[in-house]
Amino acid sequence: RLKEFLRCAGVWNVEVVHMDSTIPPLNTRFDAILLDAPCTGTGTIAKNHELRWRIGPNDIMALQKLQLELLEAGIRLLRCGGRLLYTVCSVFVDEGEAVVAKILERWHGRVELIELREPYTSSKFLYGAMRAWPHKHGTIGFFYALLEKKC
């Protein structure tokens, strides 16, 4: 779907790569990575009502662990100065701001949060990251943050 979307948008200088983050490619580094991480999907609860009864604290913690692993792997794949957009369709801080804050702590000085100002709401829990809320923006709830690898 992403390839088709890019083609329709007239974008031709992008290579879409589907890969297993546990098996990094040899000697390959990327300028930009979009990481749409697996999450609880709570930002879609208005149209997926059953989520209320399917998600428990253990699910959130297991997903956060996976999100951290994927984000670490993504950062390792960036070139110096490369950027990674981390996004989840979750309204839980544990899957958005907390994940990015942990990465910023682990990679202190080597990864920087690039401040985003529009078009949604700045996160109250992590300055520079963004939140979209169904009741404010007429969309699903989601979180995103832009990270840049320093060298």
Protein backbone atom coordinates (compact mmCIF):
# COMPACT_ATOMS: atom_id res chain seq x y z
CA ARG A 1 0.00 0.00 0.00
CA LEU A 2 2.83 2.40 0.78
CA LYS A 3 4.40 1.91 -2.66
CA GLU A 4 1.06 2.66 -4.32
CA PHE A 5 0.53 5.75 -2.14
CA LEU A 6 4.00 7.07 -3.00
CA ARG A 7 3.43 6.45 -6.71
CA CYS A 8 0.09 8.31 -6.60
CA ALA A 9 1.80 11.18 -4.76
CA GLY A 10 4.43 11.38 -7.49
CA VAL A 11 7.28 10.34 -5.20
CA TRP A 12 9.90 8.31 -7.06
CA ASN A 13 13.07 8.67 -4.98
CA VAL A 14 12.00 6.39 -2.12
CA GLU A 15 12.87 2.75 -1.65
CA VAL A 16 10.31 0.87 0.45
CA VAL A 17 11.98 -1.88 2.46
CA HIS A 18 10.13 -4.52 4.46
CA MET A 19 12.55 -6.25 6.77
CA ASP A 20 13.04 -8.12 10.03
CA SER A 21 14.66 -5.71 12.49
CA THR A 22 16.37 -8.58 14.27
CA ILE A 23 18.40 -9.33 11.12
CA PRO A 24 19.99 -6.02 10.06
CA PRO A 25 21.24 -5.72 6.49
CA LEU A 26 24.98 -5.67 6.02
CA ASN A 27 26.53 -2.24 5.48
CA THR A 28 23.21 -0.55 4.72
CA ARG A 29 22.27 2.76 6.31
CA PHE A 30 19.21 4.87 5.59
CA ASP A 31 18.59 8.62 5.34
CA ALA A 32 15.05 8.27 6.66
CA ILE A 33 12.94 5.58 8.30
CA LEU A 34 9.22 5.52 9.02
CA LEU A 35 8.53 3.23 11.97
CA ASP A 36 4.80 2.64 12.36
CA ALA A 37 5.22 0.37 15.37
CA PRO A 38 2.83 -2.39 16.43
CA CYS A 39 0.65 -1.03 19.24
CA THR A 40 -2.59 -1.49 21.13
CA GLY A 41 -4.47 0.53 18.52
CA THR A 42 -6.35 2.45 21.23
CA GLY A 43 -6.45 5.50 18.99
CA THR A 44 -8.97 3.59 16.87
CA ILE A 45 -11.24 2.62 19.77
CA ALA A 46 -14.13 4.69 18.37
CA LYS A 47 -14.41 2.30 15.44
CA ASN A 48 -12.97 -0.80 17.17
CA HIS A 49 -15.06 -0.97 20.33
CA GLU A 50 -13.87 -4.46 21.27
CA LEU A 51 -10.42 -3.06 22.13
CA ARG A 52 -11.82 -2.00 25.51
CA TRP A 53 -12.07 -5.63 26.56
CA ARG A 54 -9.07 -7.06 24.73
CA ILE A 55 -6.23 -4.92 26.07
CA GLY A 56 -4.67 -5.44 29.48
CA PRO A 57 -1.61 -4.08 31.32
CA ASN A 58 0.50 -7.07 30.24
CA ASP A 59 -0.32 -6.36 26.59
CA ILE A 60 0.83 -2.77 26.93
CA MET A 61 4.12 -3.74 28.57
CA ALA A 62 4.83 -6.45 25.97
CA LEU A 63 4.14 -4.00 23.15
CA GLN A 64 6.31 -1.33 24.76
CA LYS A 65 9.19 -3.81 24.91
CA LEU A 66 8.76 -4.58 21.20
CA GLN A 67 8.44 -0.88 20.34
CA LEU A 68 11.71 -0.15 22.16
CA GLU A 69 13.46 -2.99 20.32
CA LEU A 70 12.19 -1.79 16.94
CA LEU A 71 13.11 1.82 17.65
CA GLU A 72 16.64 0.83 18.75
CA ALA A 73 17.04 -1.26 15.59
CA GLY A 74 15.79 1.62 13.46
CA ILE A 75 18.23 4.08 14.98
CA ARG A 76 21.11 1.69 14.35
CA LEU A 77 20.11 1.61 10.67
CA LEU A 78 20.23 5.40 10.25
CA ARG A 79 23.12 7.23 8.64
CA CYS A 80 24.65 10.12 10.58
CA GLY A 81 22.09 12.90 10.35
CA GLY A 82 19.40 10.41 9.33
CA ARG A 83 15.89 10.83 10.68
CA LEU A 84 13.34 8.36 11.98
CA LEU A 85 9.64 9.11 12.37
CA TYR A 86 8.20 6.96 15.16
CA THR A 87 4.43 6.63 15.19
CA VAL A 88 1.75 4.61 16.96
CA CYS A 89 -2.05 4.77 16.78
CA SER A 90 -2.27 4.57 20.56
CA VAL A 91 -3.49 7.11 23.10
CA PHE A 92 -1.32 5.57 25.84
CA VAL A 93 1.74 7.52 26.96
CA ASP A 94 3.44 4.15 27.62
CA GLU A 95 3.48 3.46 23.87
CA GLY A 96 4.38 6.95 22.69
CA GLU A 97 6.13 9.47 24.90
CA ALA A 98 7.56 6.89 27.33
CA VAL A 99 9.14 4.87 24.51
CA VAL A 100 10.77 7.92 22.94
CA ALA A 101 11.91 9.26 26.34
CA LYS A 102 13.62 5.94 27.11
CA ILE A 103 15.37 5.98 23.74
CA LEU A 104 16.54 9.57 24.26
CA GLU A 105 17.94 8.53 27.63
CA ARG A 106 19.69 5.42 26.26
CA TRP A 107 21.11 7.28 23.26
CA HIS A 108 21.82 10.53 25.15
CA GLY A 109 23.71 12.92 22.91
CA ARG A 110 23.58 10.53 19.94
CA VAL A 111 19.87 10.90 19.15
CA GLU A 112 17.91 14.15 19.26
CA LEU A 113 14.17 14.84 19.24
CA ILE A 114 13.36 17.24 16.40
CA GLU A 115 10.63 19.62 17.51
CA LEU A 116 7.37 19.36 15.57
CA ARG A 117 4.83 22.17 15.84
CA GLU A 118 1.99 21.35 13.48
CA PRO A 119 -0.59 20.30 12.46
CA TYR A 120 -1.76 18.60 15.66
CA THR A 121 -1.18 19.18 19.38
CA SER A 122 2.22 19.22 21.04
CA SER A 123 2.49 16.41 23.57
CA LYS A 124 2.13 17.53 27.18
CA PHE A 125 4.41 14.68 28.24
CA LEU A 126 7.28 15.09 25.74
CA TYR A 127 7.92 18.55 24.32
CA GLY A 128 8.44 18.46 20.56
CA ALA A 129 6.44 15.28 19.92
CA MET A 130 2.90 15.41 18.56
CA ARG A 131 -0.48 13.98 19.51
CA ALA A 132 -3.68 13.80 17.50
CA TRP A 133 -6.90 13.35 19.46
CA PRO A 134 -10.21 12.19 17.97
CA HIS A 135 -12.26 14.74 19.93
CA LYS A 136 -9.98 17.64 18.92
CA HIS A 137 -8.82 16.81 15.43
CA GLY A 138 -11.54 14.61 13.94
CA THR A 139 -9.11 11.77 13.26
CA ILE A 140 -7.96 8.64 15.04
CA GLY A 141 -5.78 9.14 18.10
CA PHE A 142 -2.08 8.79 17.44
CA PHE A 143 1.39 9.86 18.53
CA TYR A 144 4.46 10.69 16.48
CA ALA A 145 7.97 11.93 17.10
CA LEU A 146 10.85 12.74 14.77
CA LEU A 147 14.30 11.61 15.87
CA GLU A 148 17.66 12.49 14.33
CA LYS A 149 20.84 10.46 14.72
CA LYS A 150 23.89 12.52 15.67
CA CYS A 151 27.47 11.37 15.04
